[in-house]
Amino acid sequence: SLSFARNFQSVPVSLIGVSFSLAAFPGLSRAAGRGDRDEFVRI
């Protein structure tokens, strides 16, 4: 029951939290690598 409930709960977490963060990760990494603080904060 705990496993099934966690599977349901993790759907919106993965769809939104994990996916959107992962998609933003290359942009954040490039901005940080260039030292572009304003772009980093915007993203």
Full PDB file with SEQRES, HELIX, SHEET, SSBOND, CRYST1, ORIGX, SCALE, CONECT and MASTER records, all heavy atoms in Angstrom:
SEQRES   1 A   43  SER LEU SER PHE ALA ARG ASN PHE GLN SER VAL PRO VAL          
SEQRES   2 A   43  SER LEU ILE GLY VAL SER PHE SER LEU ALA ALA PHE PRO          
SEQRES   3 A   43  GLY LEU SER ARG ALA ALA GLY ARG GLY ASP ARG ASP GLU          
SEQRES   4 A   43  PHE VAL ARG ILE                                              
HELIX    1 AA1 LEU A    2  PRO A   12  1                                  11    
HELIX    2 AA2 VAL A   13  VAL A   18  3                                   6    
HELIX    3 AA3 SER A   19  ARG A   34  1                                  16    
HELIX    4 AA4 ARG A   37  ARG A   42  1                                   6    
CRYST1    1.000    1.000    1.000  90.00  90.00  90.00 P 1           1          
ORIGX1      1.000000  0.000000  0.000000        0.00000                         
ORIGX2      0.000000  1.000000  0.000000        0.00000                         
ORIGX3      0.000000  0.000000  1.000000        0.00000                         
SCALE1      1.000000  0.000000  0.000000        0.00000                         
SCALE2      0.000000  1.000000  0.000000        0.00000                         
SCALE3      0.000000  0.000000  1.000000        0.00000                         
ATOM      1  N   SER A   1       0.834  -1.204   0.000  1.00  0.00           N  
ATOM      2  CA  SER A   1       0.000   0.000   0.000  1.00  0.00           C  
ATOM      3  C   SER A   1       0.868   1.253   0.000  1.00  0.00           C  
ATOM      4  O   SER A   1       0.584   2.229  -0.714  1.00  0.00           O  
ATOM      5  CB  SER A   1      -0.927   0.008   1.217  1.00  0.00           C  
ATOM      6  OG  SER A   1      -1.942  -0.964   1.089  1.00  0.00           O  
ATOM      7  N   LEU A   2       1.930   1.237   0.787  1.00  0.00           N  
ATOM      8  CA  LEU A   2       2.862   2.366   0.827  1.00  0.00           C  
ATOM      9  C   LEU A   2       3.514   2.560  -0.537  1.00  0.00           C  
ATOM     10  O   LEU A   2       3.632   3.691  -1.030  1.00  0.00           O  
ATOM     11  CB  LEU A   2       3.928   2.115   1.895  1.00  0.00           C  
ATOM     12  CG  LEU A   2       5.002   3.188   2.058  1.00  0.00           C  
ATOM     13  CD1 LEU A   2       4.385   4.485   2.561  1.00  0.00           C  
ATOM     14  CD2 LEU A   2       6.092   2.711   3.004  1.00  0.00           C  
ATOM     15  N   SER A   3       3.910   1.461  -1.166  1.00  0.00           N  
ATOM     16  CA  SER A   3       4.555   1.536  -2.473  1.00  0.00           C  
ATOM     17  C   SER A   3       3.593   2.072  -3.532  1.00  0.00           C  
ATOM     18  O   SER A   3       3.956   2.952  -4.334  1.00  0.00           O  
ATOM     19  CB  SER A   3       5.069   0.151  -2.887  1.00  0.00           C  
ATOM     20  OG  SER A   3       5.636   0.180  -4.173  1.00  0.00           O  
ATOM     21  N   PHE A   4       2.361   1.569  -3.557  1.00  0.00           N  
ATOM     22  CA  PHE A   4       1.376   2.050  -4.528  1.00  0.00           C  
ATOM     23  C   PHE A   4       1.099   3.545  -4.329  1.00  0.00           C  
ATOM     24  O   PHE A   4       1.039   4.313  -5.294  1.00  0.00           O  
ATOM     25  CB  PHE A   4       0.064   1.271  -4.398  1.00  0.00           C  
ATOM     26  CG  PHE A   4       0.114  -0.114  -4.977  1.00  0.00           C  
ATOM     27  CD1 PHE A   4      -0.463  -1.184  -4.300  1.00  0.00           C  
ATOM     28  CD2 PHE A   4       0.707  -0.360  -6.197  1.00  0.00           C  
ATOM     29  CE1 PHE A   4      -0.436  -2.467  -4.832  1.00  0.00           C  
ATOM     30  CE2 PHE A   4       0.733  -1.636  -6.746  1.00  0.00           C  
ATOM     31  CZ  PHE A   4       0.164  -2.689  -6.057  1.00  0.00           C  
ATOM     32  N   ALA A   5       0.911   3.963  -3.065  1.00  0.00           N  
ATOM     33  CA  ALA A   5       0.612   5.370  -2.780  1.00  0.00           C  
ATOM     34  C   ALA A   5       1.768   6.274  -3.195  1.00  0.00           C  
ATOM     35  O   ALA A   5       1.557   7.356  -3.767  1.00  0.00           O  
ATOM     36  CB  ALA A   5       0.302   5.551  -1.298  1.00  0.00           C  
ATOM     37  N   ARG A   6       2.986   5.851  -2.920  1.00  0.00           N  
ATOM     38  CA  ARG A   6       4.156   6.632  -3.327  1.00  0.00           C  
ATOM     39  C   ARG A   6       4.233   6.736  -4.850  1.00  0.00           C  
ATOM     40  O   ARG A   6       4.593   7.796  -5.383  1.00  0.00           O  
ATOM     41  CB  ARG A   6       5.417   5.975  -2.773  1.00  0.00           C  
ATOM     42  CG  ARG A   6       6.725   6.495  -3.335  1.00  0.00           C  
ATOM     43  CD  ARG A   6       6.938   7.973  -3.067  1.00  0.00           C  
ATOM     44  NE  ARG A   6       8.275   8.382  -3.488  1.00  0.00           N  
ATOM     45  CZ  ARG A   6       8.713   9.634  -3.538  1.00  0.00           C  
ATOM     46  NH1 ARG A   6       7.907  10.621  -3.193  1.00  0.00           N  
ATOM     47  NH2 ARG A   6       9.938   9.909  -3.929  1.00  0.00           N  
ATOM     48  N   ASN A   7       3.860   5.677  -5.553  1.00  0.00           N  
ATOM     49  CA  ASN A   7       3.865   5.729  -7.015  1.00  0.00           C  
ATOM     50  C   ASN A   7       2.897   6.792  -7.536  1.00  0.00           C  
ATOM     51  O   ASN A   7       3.222   7.532  -8.469  1.00  0.00           O  
ATOM     52  CB  ASN A   7       3.511   4.361  -7.598  1.00  0.00           C  
ATOM     53  CG  ASN A   7       4.640   3.354  -7.441  1.00  0.00           C  
ATOM     54  OD1 ASN A   7       5.782   3.710  -7.147  1.00  0.00           O  
ATOM     55  ND2 ASN A   7       4.317   2.087  -7.617  1.00  0.00           N  
ATOM     56  N   PHE A   8       1.711   6.880  -6.934  1.00  0.00           N  
ATOM     57  CA  PHE A   8       0.757   7.914  -7.331  1.00  0.00           C  
ATOM     58  C   PHE A   8       1.294   9.306  -6.986  1.00  0.00           C  
ATOM     59  O   PHE A   8       1.215  10.231  -7.803  1.00  0.00           O  
ATOM     60  CB  PHE A   8      -0.589   7.698  -6.619  1.00  0.00           C  
ATOM     61  CG  PHE A   8      -1.500   6.717  -7.296  1.00  0.00           C  
ATOM     62  CD1 PHE A   8      -1.520   5.383  -6.916  1.00  0.00           C  
ATOM     63  CD2 PHE A   8      -2.348   7.122  -8.313  1.00  0.00           C  
ATOM     64  CE1 PHE A   8      -2.362   4.469  -7.539  1.00  0.00           C  
ATOM     65  CE2 PHE A   8      -3.202   6.229  -8.941  1.00  0.00           C  
ATOM     66  CZ  PHE A   8      -3.204   4.886  -8.554  1.00  0.00           C  
ATOM     67  N   GLN A   9       1.820   9.465  -5.784  1.00  0.00           N  
ATOM     68  CA  GLN A   9       2.319  10.769  -5.340  1.00  0.00           C  
ATOM     69  C   GLN A   9       3.459  11.260  -6.209  1.00  0.00           C  
ATOM     70  O   GLN A   9       3.607  12.461  -6.472  1.00  0.00           O  
ATOM     71  CB  GLN A   9       2.767  10.668  -3.874  1.00  0.00           C  
ATOM     72  CG  GLN A   9       3.314  11.958  -3.274  1.00  0.00           C  
ATOM     73  CD  GLN A   9       4.826  12.077  -3.383  1.00  0.00           C  
ATOM     74  OE1 GLN A   9       5.499  11.162  -3.850  1.00  0.00           O  
ATOM     75  NE2 GLN A   9       5.353  13.213  -2.949  1.00  0.00           N  
ATOM     76  N   SER A  10       4.286  10.340  -6.664  1.00  0.00           N  
ATOM     77  CA  SER A  10       5.478  10.740  -7.410  1.00  0.00           C  
ATOM     78  C   SER A  10       5.180  11.135  -8.850  1.00  0.00           C  
ATOM     79  O   SER A  10       6.051  11.666  -9.536  1.00  0.00           O  
ATOM     80  CB  SER A  10       6.510   9.602  -7.391  1.00  0.00           C  
ATOM     81  OG  SER A  10       6.022   8.450  -8.041  1.00  0.00           O  
ATOM     82  N   VAL A  11       3.948  10.897  -9.326  1.00  0.00           N  
ATOM     83  CA  VAL A  11       3.603  11.271 -10.703  1.00  0.00           C  
ATOM     84  C   VAL A  11       3.747  12.786 -10.910  1.00  0.00           C  
ATOM     85  O   VAL A  11       4.507  13.230 -11.782  1.00  0.00           O  
ATOM     86  CB  VAL A  11       2.195  10.786 -11.088  1.00  0.00           C  
ATOM     87  CG1 VAL A  11       1.779  11.391 -12.430  1.00  0.00           C  
ATOM     88  CG2 VAL A  11       2.157   9.271 -11.161  1.00  0.00           C  
ATOM     89  N   PRO A  12       3.032  13.648 -10.142  1.00  0.00           N  
ATOM     90  CA  PRO A  12       3.211  15.090 -10.359  1.00  0.00           C  
ATOM     91  C   PRO A  12       4.609  15.580 -10.010  1.00  0.00           C  
ATOM     92  O   PRO A  12       5.111  16.519 -10.633  1.00  0.00           O  
ATOM     93  CB  PRO A  12       2.149  15.734  -9.458  1.00  0.00           C  
ATOM     94  CG  PRO A  12       1.839  14.695  -8.425  1.00  0.00           C  
ATOM     95  CD  PRO A  12       2.001  13.383  -9.117  1.00  0.00           C  
ATOM     96  N   VAL A  13       5.253  14.951  -9.035  1.00  0.00           N  
ATOM     97  CA  VAL A  13       6.625  15.340  -8.688  1.00  0.00           C  
ATOM     98  C   VAL A  13       7.554  15.121  -9.878  1.00  0.00           C  
ATOM     99  O   VAL A  13       8.371  15.982 -10.224  1.00  0.00           O  
ATOM    100  CB  VAL A  13       7.124  14.545  -7.464  1.00  0.00           C  
ATOM    101  CG1 VAL A  13       8.605  14.831  -7.203  1.00  0.00           C  
ATOM    102  CG2 VAL A  13       6.302  14.879  -6.224  1.00  0.00           C  
ATOM    103  N   SER A  14       7.417  13.986 -10.539  1.00  0.00           N  
ATOM    104  CA  SER A  14       8.276  13.680 -11.684  1.00  0.00           C  
ATOM    105  C   SER A  14       7.876  14.464 -12.928  1.00  0.00           C  
ATOM    106  O   SER A  14       8.736  14.955 -13.665  1.00  0.00           O  
ATOM    107  CB  SER A  14       8.233  12.179 -11.985  1.00  0.00           C  
ATOM    108  OG  SER A  14       8.807  11.443 -10.935  1.00  0.00           O  
ATOM    109  N   LEU A  15       6.557  14.564 -13.182  1.00  0.00           N  
ATOM    110  CA  LEU A  15       6.086  15.282 -14.359  1.00  0.00           C  
ATOM    111  C   LEU A  15       6.508  16.745 -14.344  1.00  0.00           C  
ATOM    112  O   LEU A  15       6.848  17.317 -15.381  1.00  0.00           O  
ATOM    113  CB  LEU A  15       4.564  15.218 -14.458  1.00  0.00           C  
ATOM    114  CG  LEU A  15       3.920  13.909 -14.891  1.00  0.00           C  
ATOM    115  CD1 LEU A  15       2.414  14.047 -14.900  1.00  0.00           C  
ATOM    116  CD2 LEU A  15       4.407  13.493 -16.258  1.00  0.00           C  
ATOM    117  N   ILE A  16       6.486  17.343 -13.175  1.00  0.00           N  
ATOM    118  CA  ILE A  16       6.728  18.785 -13.073  1.00  0.00           C  
ATOM    119  C   ILE A  16       8.075  19.081 -12.411  1.00  0.00           C  
ATOM    120  O   ILE A  16       8.971  19.660 -13.036  1.00  0.00           O  
ATOM    121  CB  ILE A  16       5.583  19.469 -12.293  1.00  0.00           C  
ATOM    122  CG1 ILE A  16       4.236  19.175 -12.955  1.00  0.00           C  
ATOM    123  CG2 ILE A  16       5.812  20.973 -12.200  1.00  0.00           C  
ATOM    124  CD1 ILE A  16       3.027  19.551 -12.117  1.00  0.00           C  
ATOM    125  N   GLY A  17       8.241  18.669 -11.170  1.00  0.00           N  
ATOM    126  CA  GLY A  17       9.460  19.014 -10.444  1.00  0.00           C  
ATOM    127  C   GLY A  17      10.721  18.466 -11.074  1.00  0.00           C  
ATOM    128  O   GLY A  17      11.674  19.205 -11.356  1.00  0.00           O  
ATOM    129  N   VAL A  18      10.749  17.171 -11.331  1.00  0.00           N  
ATOM    130  CA  VAL A  18      11.941  16.536 -11.875  1.00  0.00           C  
ATOM    131  C   VAL A  18      12.167  16.933 -13.330  1.00  0.00           C  
ATOM    132  O   VAL A  18      13.277  17.325 -13.727  1.00  0.00           O  
ATOM    133  CB  VAL A  18      11.860  14.998 -11.736  1.00  0.00           C  
ATOM    134  CG1 VAL A  18      13.060  14.339 -12.400  1.00  0.00           C  
ATOM    135  CG2 VAL A  18      11.771  14.597 -10.272  1.00  0.00           C  
ATOM    136  N   SER A  19      11.126  16.839 -14.155  1.00  0.00           N  
ATOM    137  CA  SER A  19      11.274  17.105 -15.593  1.00  0.00           C  
ATOM    138  C   SER A  19      11.659  18.549 -15.874  1.00  0.00           C  
ATOM    139  O   SER A  19      12.575  18.820 -16.659  1.00  0.00           O  
ATOM    140  CB  SER A  19       9.978  16.756 -16.319  1.00  0.00           C  
ATOM    141  OG  SER A  19       9.695  15.384 -16.230  1.00  0.00           O  
ATOM    142  N   PHE A  20      10.962  19.502 -15.265  1.00  0.00           N  
ATOM    143  CA  PHE A  20      11.259  20.905 -15.524  1.00  0.00           C  
ATOM    144  C   PHE A  20      12.653  21.276 -15.024  1.00  0.00           C  
ATOM    145  O   PHE A  20      13.371  22.051 -15.660  1.00  0.00           O  
ATOM    146  CB  PHE A  20      10.211  21.807 -14.865  1.00  0.00           C  
ATOM    147  CG  PHE A  20       8.858  21.783 -15.535  1.00  0.00           C  
ATOM    148  CD1 PHE A  20       8.488  20.750 -16.387  1.00  0.00           C  
ATOM    149  CD2 PHE A  20       7.951  22.786 -15.306  1.00  0.00           C  
ATOM    150  CE1 PHE A  20       7.242  20.721 -16.996  1.00  0.00           C  
ATOM    151  CE2 PHE A  20       6.697  22.784 -15.915  1.00  0.00           C  
ATOM    152  CZ  PHE A  20       6.348  21.741 -16.754  1.00  0.00           C  
ATOM    153  N   SER A  21      13.043  20.731 -13.886  1.00  0.00           N  
ATOM    154  CA  SER A  21      14.373  21.014 -13.340  1.00  0.00           C  
ATOM    155  C   SER A  21      15.471  20.437 -14.218  1.00  0.00           C  
ATOM    156  O   SER A  21      16.507  21.076 -14.438  1.00  0.00           O  
ATOM    157  CB  SER A  21      14.496  20.455 -11.921  1.00  0.00           C  
ATOM    158  OG  SER A  21      13.532  21.014 -11.064  1.00  0.00           O  
ATOM    159  N   LEU A  22      15.242  19.222 -14.716  1.00  0.00           N  
ATOM    160  CA  LEU A  22      16.230  18.603 -15.587  1.00  0.00           C  
ATOM    161  C   LEU A  22      16.375  19.379 -16.888  1.00  0.00           C  
ATOM    162  O   LEU A  22      17.489  19.588 -17.387  1.00  0.00           O  
ATOM    163  CB  LEU A  22      15.824  17.160 -15.882  1.00  0.00           C  
ATOM    164  CG  LEU A  22      16.769  16.361 -16.784  1.00  0.00           C  
ATOM    165  CD1 LEU A  22      18.149  16.245 -16.159  1.00  0.00           C  
ATOM    166  CD2 LEU A  22      16.194  14.975 -17.063  1.00  0.00           C  
ATOM    167  N   ALA A  23      15.258  19.828 -17.452  1.00  0.00           N  
ATOM    168  CA  ALA A  23      15.318  20.594 -18.702  1.00  0.00           C  
ATOM    169  C   ALA A  23      16.052  21.922 -18.510  1.00  0.00           C  
ATOM    170  O   ALA A  23      16.719  22.411 -19.432  1.00  0.00           O  
ATOM    171  CB  ALA A  23      13.909  20.843 -19.227  1.00  0.00           C  
ATOM    172  N   ALA A  24      15.933  22.509 -17.325  1.00  0.00           N  
ATOM    173  CA  ALA A  24      16.608  23.779 -17.043  1.00  0.00           C  
ATOM    174  C   ALA A  24      18.079  23.601 -16.696  1.00  0.00           C  
ATOM    175  O   ALA A  24      18.847  24.572 -16.738  1.00  0.00           O  
ATOM    176  CB  ALA A  24      15.900  24.496 -15.893  1.00  0.00           C  
ATOM    177  N   PHE A  25      18.487  22.386 -16.360  1.00  0.00           N  
ATOM    178  CA  PHE A  25      19.835  22.133 -15.864  1.00  0.00           C  
ATOM    179  C   PHE A  25      20.937  22.548 -16.842  1.00  0.00           C  
ATOM    180  O   PHE A  25      21.904  23.211 -16.443  1.00  0.00           O  
ATOM    181  CB  PHE A  25      19.962  20.653 -15.489  1.00  0.00           C  
ATOM    182  CG  PHE A  25      21.186  20.310 -14.695  1.00  0.00           C  
ATOM    183  CD1 PHE A  25      21.734  21.197 -13.785  1.00  0.00           C  
ATOM    184  CD2 PHE A  25      21.781  19.063 -14.843  1.00  0.00           C  
ATOM    185  CE1 PHE A  25      22.865  20.866 -13.035  1.00  0.00           C  
ATOM    186  CE2 PHE A  25      22.908  18.717 -14.107  1.00  0.00           C  
ATOM    187  CZ  PHE A  25      23.445  19.624 -13.208  1.00  0.00           C  
ATOM    188  N   PRO A  26      20.850  22.195 -18.144  1.00  0.00           N  
ATOM    189  CA  PRO A  26      21.906  22.654 -19.055  1.00  0.00           C  
ATOM    190  C   PRO A  26      22.015  24.174 -19.114  1.00  0.00           C  
ATOM    191  O   PRO A  26      23.121  24.727 -19.151  1.00  0.00           O  
ATOM    192  CB  PRO A  26      21.475  22.071 -20.409  1.00  0.00           C  
ATOM    193  CG  PRO A  26      20.653  20.875 -20.068  1.00  0.00           C  
ATOM    194  CD  PRO A  26      19.917  21.268 -18.829  1.00  0.00           C  
ATOM    195  N   GLY A  27      20.882  24.876 -19.132  1.00  0.00           N  
ATOM    196  CA  GLY A  27      20.914  26.334 -19.157  1.00  0.00           C  
ATOM    197  C   GLY A  27      21.537  26.915 -17.902  1.00  0.00           C  
ATOM    198  O   GLY A  27      22.344  27.863 -17.966  1.00  0.00           O  
ATOM    199  N   LEU A  28      21.173  26.370 -16.744  1.00  0.00           N  
ATOM    200  CA  LEU A  28      21.780  26.821 -15.492  1.00  0.00           C  
ATOM    201  C   LEU A  28      23.279  26.550 -15.483  1.00  0.00           C  
ATOM    202  O   LEU A  28      24.076  27.389 -15.031  1.00  0.00           O  
ATOM    203  CB  LEU A  28      21.117  26.104 -14.313  1.00  0.00           C  
ATOM    204  CG  LEU A  28      19.689  26.524 -13.957  1.00  0.00           C  
ATOM    205  CD1 LEU A  28      19.067  25.543 -12.964  1.00  0.00           C  
ATOM    206  CD2 LEU A  28      19.667  27.942 -13.383  1.00  0.00           C  
ATOM    207  N   SER A  29      23.674  25.382 -15.994  1.00  0.00           N  
ATOM    208  CA  SER A  29      25.095  25.023 -16.003  1.00  0.00           C  
ATOM    209  C   SER A  29      25.901  25.941 -16.920  1.00  0.00           C  
ATOM    210  O   SER A  29      27.009  26.361 -16.581  1.00  0.00           O  
ATOM    211  CB  SER A  29      25.265  23.560 -16.442  1.00  0.00           C  
ATOM    212  OG  SER A  29      24.633  22.682 -15.532  1.00  0.00           O  
ATOM    213  N   ARG A  30      25.343  26.249 -18.090  1.00  0.00           N  
ATOM    214  CA  ARG A  30      26.040  27.152 -19.011  1.00  0.00           C  
ATOM    215  C   ARG A  30      26.160  28.556 -18.411  1.00  0.00           C  
ATOM    216  O   ARG A  30      27.209  29.203 -18.500  1.00  0.00           O  
ATOM    217  CB  ARG A  30      25.305  27.220 -20.347  1.00  0.00           C  
ATOM    218  CG  ARG A  30      25.423  25.965 -21.193  1.00  0.00           C  
ATOM    219  CD  ARG A  30      24.941  26.219 -22.619  1.00  0.00           C  
ATOM    220  NE  ARG A  30      24.957  24.973 -23.394  1.00  0.00           N  
ATOM    221  CZ  ARG A  30      23.939  24.164 -23.537  1.00  0.00           C  
ATOM    222  NH1 ARG A  30      22.785  24.449 -22.949  1.00  0.00           N  
ATOM    223  NH2 ARG A  30      24.041  23.059 -24.245  1.00  0.00           N  
ATOM    224  N   ALA A  31      25.076  29.045 -17.810  1.00  0.00           N  
ATOM    225  CA  ALA A  31      25.115  30.379 -17.197  1.00  0.00           C  
ATOM    226  C   ALA A  31      26.127  30.435 -16.059  1.00  0.00           C  
ATOM    227  O   ALA A  31      26.894  31.400 -15.941  1.00  0.00           O  
ATOM    228  CB  ALA A  31      23.722  30.766 -16.697  1.00  0.00           C  
ATOM    229  N   ALA A  32      26.150  29.401 -15.224  1.00  0.00           N  
ATOM    230  CA  ALA A  32      27.110  29.365 -14.125  1.00  0.00           C  
ATOM    231  C   ALA A  32      28.537  29.269 -14.653  1.00  0.00           C  
ATOM    232  O   ALA A  32      29.456  29.895 -14.118  1.00  0.00           O  
ATOM    233  CB  ALA A  32      26.802  28.187 -13.205  1.00  0.00           C  
ATOM    234  N   GLY A  33      28.739  28.466 -15.721  1.00  0.00           N  
ATOM    235  CA  GLY A  33      30.070  28.321 -16.297  1.00  0.00           C  
ATOM    236  C   GLY A  33      30.600  29.614 -16.885  1.00  0.00           C  
ATOM    237  O   GLY A  33      31.815  29.865 -16.874  1.00  0.00           O  
ATOM    238  N   ARG A  34      29.700  30.458 -17.423  1.00  0.00           N  
ATOM    239  CA  ARG A  34      30.099  31.752 -17.983  1.00  0.00           C  
ATOM    240  C   ARG A  34      30.193  32.847 -16.917  1.00  0.00           C  
ATOM    241  O   ARG A  34      30.667  33.947 -17.186  1.00  0.00           O  
ATOM    242  CB  ARG A  34      29.084  32.202 -19.039  1.00  0.00           C  
ATOM    243  CG  ARG A  34      29.029  31.338 -20.286  1.00  0.00           C  
ATOM    244  CD  ARG A  34      28.248  32.059 -21.394  1.00  0.00           C  
ATOM    245  NE  ARG A  34      26.926  32.467 -20.938  1.00  0.00           N  
ATOM    246  CZ  ARG A  34      25.813  31.782 -21.145  1.00  0.00           C  
ATOM    247  NH1 ARG A  34      25.868  30.610 -21.769  1.00  0.00           N  
ATOM    248  NH2 ARG A  34      24.649  32.233 -20.727  1.00  0.00           N  
ATOM    249  N   GLY A  35      29.682  32.552 -15.725  1.00  0.00           N  
ATOM    250  CA  GLY A  35      29.640  33.572 -14.682  1.00  0.00           C  
ATOM    251  C   GLY A  35      28.514  34.566 -14.869  1.00  0.00           C  
ATOM    252  O   GLY A  35      28.545  35.671 -14.304  1.00  0.00           O  
ATOM    253  N   ASP A  36      27.499  34.201 -15.640  1.00  0.00           N  
ATOM    254  CA  ASP A  36      26.377  35.094 -15.934  1.00  0.00           C  
ATOM    255  C   ASP A  36      25.319  34.948 -14.834  1.00  0.00           C  
ATOM    256  O   ASP A  36      24.357  34.193 -14.957  1.00  0.00           O  
ATOM    257  CB  ASP A  36      25.788  34.744 -17.301  1.00  0.00           C  
ATOM    258  CG  ASP A  36      24.789  35.781 -17.797  1.00  0.00           C  
ATOM    259  OD1 ASP A  36      24.301  36.578 -16.977  1.00  0.00           O  
ATOM    260  OD2 ASP A  36      24.489  35.768 -19.011  1.00  0.00           O  
ATOM    261  N   ARG A  37      25.496  35.721 -13.782  1.00  0.00           N  
ATOM    262  CA  ARG A  37      24.606  35.607 -12.619  1.00  0.00           C  
ATOM    263  C   ARG A  37      23.175  36.014 -12.957  1.00  0.00           C  
ATOM    264  O   ARG A  37      22.215  35.388 -12.486  1.00  0.00           O  
ATOM    265  CB  ARG A  37      25.151  36.468 -11.479  1.00  0.00           C  
ATOM    266  CG  ARG A  37      24.336  36.392 -10.194  1.00  0.00           C  
ATOM    267  CD  ARG A  37      25.069  37.101  -9.072  1.00  0.00           C  
ATOM    268  NE  ARG A  37      25.424  38.462  -9.440  1.00  0.00           N  
ATOM    269  CZ  ARG A  37      26.368  39.186  -8.828  1.00  0.00           C  
ATOM    270  NH1 ARG A  37      27.057  38.658  -7.843  1.00  0.00           N  
ATOM    271  NH2 ARG A  37      26.616  40.418  -9.223  1.00  0.00           N  
ATOM    272  N   ASP A  38      23.004  37.054 -13.743  1.00  0.00           N  
ATOM    273  CA  ASP A  38      21.655  37.522 -14.076  1.00  0.00           C  
ATOM    274  C   ASP A  38      20.876  36.455 -14.845  1.00  0.00           C  
ATOM    275  O   ASP A  38      19.691  36.212 -14.571  1.00  0.00           O  
ATOM    276  CB  ASP A  38      21.735  38.797 -14.907  1.00  0.00           C  
ATOM    277  CG  ASP A  38      22.244  39.978 -14.094  1.00  0.00           C  
ATOM    278  OD1 ASP A  38      22.189  39.911 -12.849  1.00  0.00           O  
ATOM    279  OD2 ASP A  38      22.710  40.965 -14.702  1.00  0.00           O  
ATOM    280  N   GLU A  39      21.516  35.804 -15.821  1.00  0.00           N  
ATOM    281  CA  GLU A  39      20.843  34.749 -16.578  1.00  0.00           C  
ATOM    282  C   GLU A  39      20.536  33.551 -15.694  1.00  0.00           C  
ATOM    283  O   GLU A  39      19.465  32.942 -15.798  1.00  0.00           O  
ATOM    284  CB  GLU A  39      21.729  34.328 -17.753  1.00  0.00           C  
ATOM    285  CG  GLU A  39      21.165  33.183 -18.598  1.00  0.00           C  
ATOM    286  CD  GLU A  39      19.910  33.558 -19.370  1.00  0.00           C  
ATOM    287  OE1 GLU A  39      19.486  34.739 -19.329  1.00  0.00           O  
ATOM    288  OE2 GLU A  39      19.332  32.663 -20.017  1.00  0.00           O  
ATOM    289  N   PHE A  40      21.462  33.220 -14.812  1.00  0.00           N  
ATOM    290  CA  PHE A  40      21.273  32.113 -13.875  1.00  0.00           C  
ATOM    291  C   PHE A  40      20.037  32.374 -13.011  1.00  0.00           C  
ATOM    292  O   PHE A  40      19.175  31.505 -12.860  1.00  0.00           O  
ATOM    293  CB  PHE A  40      22.521  31.974 -13.000  1.00  0.00           C  
ATOM    294  CG  PHE A  40      22.489  30.826 -12.031  1.00  0.00           C  
ATOM    295  CD1 PHE A  40      23.010  29.592 -12.372  1.00  0.00           C  
ATOM    296  CD2 PHE A  40      21.939  30.976 -10.759  1.00  0.00           C  
ATOM    297  CE1 PHE A  40      22.995  28.537 -11.470  1.00  0.00           C  
ATOM    298  CE2 PHE A  40      21.909  29.929  -9.859  1.00  0.00           C  
ATOM    299  CZ  PHE A  40      22.442  28.704 -10.217  1.00  0.00           C  
ATOM    300  N   VAL A  41      19.946  33.570 -12.459  1.00  0.00           N  
ATOM    301  CA  VAL A  41      18.814  33.918 -11.589  1.00  0.00           C  
ATOM    302  C   VAL A  41      17.509  33.930 -12.372  1.00  0.00           C  
ATOM    303  O   VAL A  41      16.466  33.481 -11.876  1.00  0.00           O  
ATOM    304  CB  VAL A  41      19.065  35.278 -10.915  1.00  0.00           C  
ATOM    305  CG1 VAL A  41      17.805  35.762 -10.190  1.00  0.00           C  
ATOM    306  CG2 VAL A  41      20.225  35.183  -9.934  1.00  0.00           C  
ATOM    307  N   ARG A  42      17.547  34.426 -13.613  1.00  0.00           N  
ATOM    308  CA  ARG A  42      16.333  34.459 -14.429  1.00  0.00           C  
ATOM    309  C   ARG A  42      15.798  33.058 -14.684  1.00  0.00           C  
ATOM    310  O   ARG A  42      14.598  32.786 -14.520  1.00  0.00           O  
ATOM    311  CB  ARG A  42      16.621  35.153 -15.768  1.00  0.00           C  
ATOM    312  CG  ARG A  42      15.376  35.326 -16.628  1.00  0.00           C  
ATOM    313  CD  ARG A  42      15.728  35.705 -18.055  1.00  0.00           C  
ATOM    314  NE  ARG A  42      16.403  34.611 -18.762  1.00  0.00           N  
ATOM    315  CZ  ARG A  42      15.769  33.554 -19.280  1.00  0.00           C  
ATOM    316  NH1 ARG A  42      14.451  33.432 -19.162  1.00  0.00           N  
ATOM    317  NH2 ARG A  42      16.452  32.619 -19.908  1.00  0.00           N  
ATOM    318  N   ILE A  43      16.687  32.142 -15.087  1.00  0.00           N  
ATOM    319  CA  ILE A  43      16.260  30.765 -15.352  1.00  0.00           C  
ATOM    320  C   ILE A  43      15.726  30.109 -14.082  1.00  0.00           C  
ATOM    321  O   ILE A  43      14.678  29.464 -14.092  1.00  0.00           O  
ATOM    322  CB  ILE A  43      17.433  29.939 -15.919  1.00  0.00           C  
ATOM    323  CG1 ILE A  43      17.859  30.478 -17.292  1.00  0.00           C  
ATOM    324  CG2 ILE A  43      17.049  28.462 -16.027  1.00  0.00           C  
ATOM    325  CD1 ILE A  43      19.134  29.847 -17.829  1.00  0.00           C  
TER     326      ILE A  43                                                      
MASTER        0    0    0    4    0    0    0    6  325    1    0    4          
END                                                                             
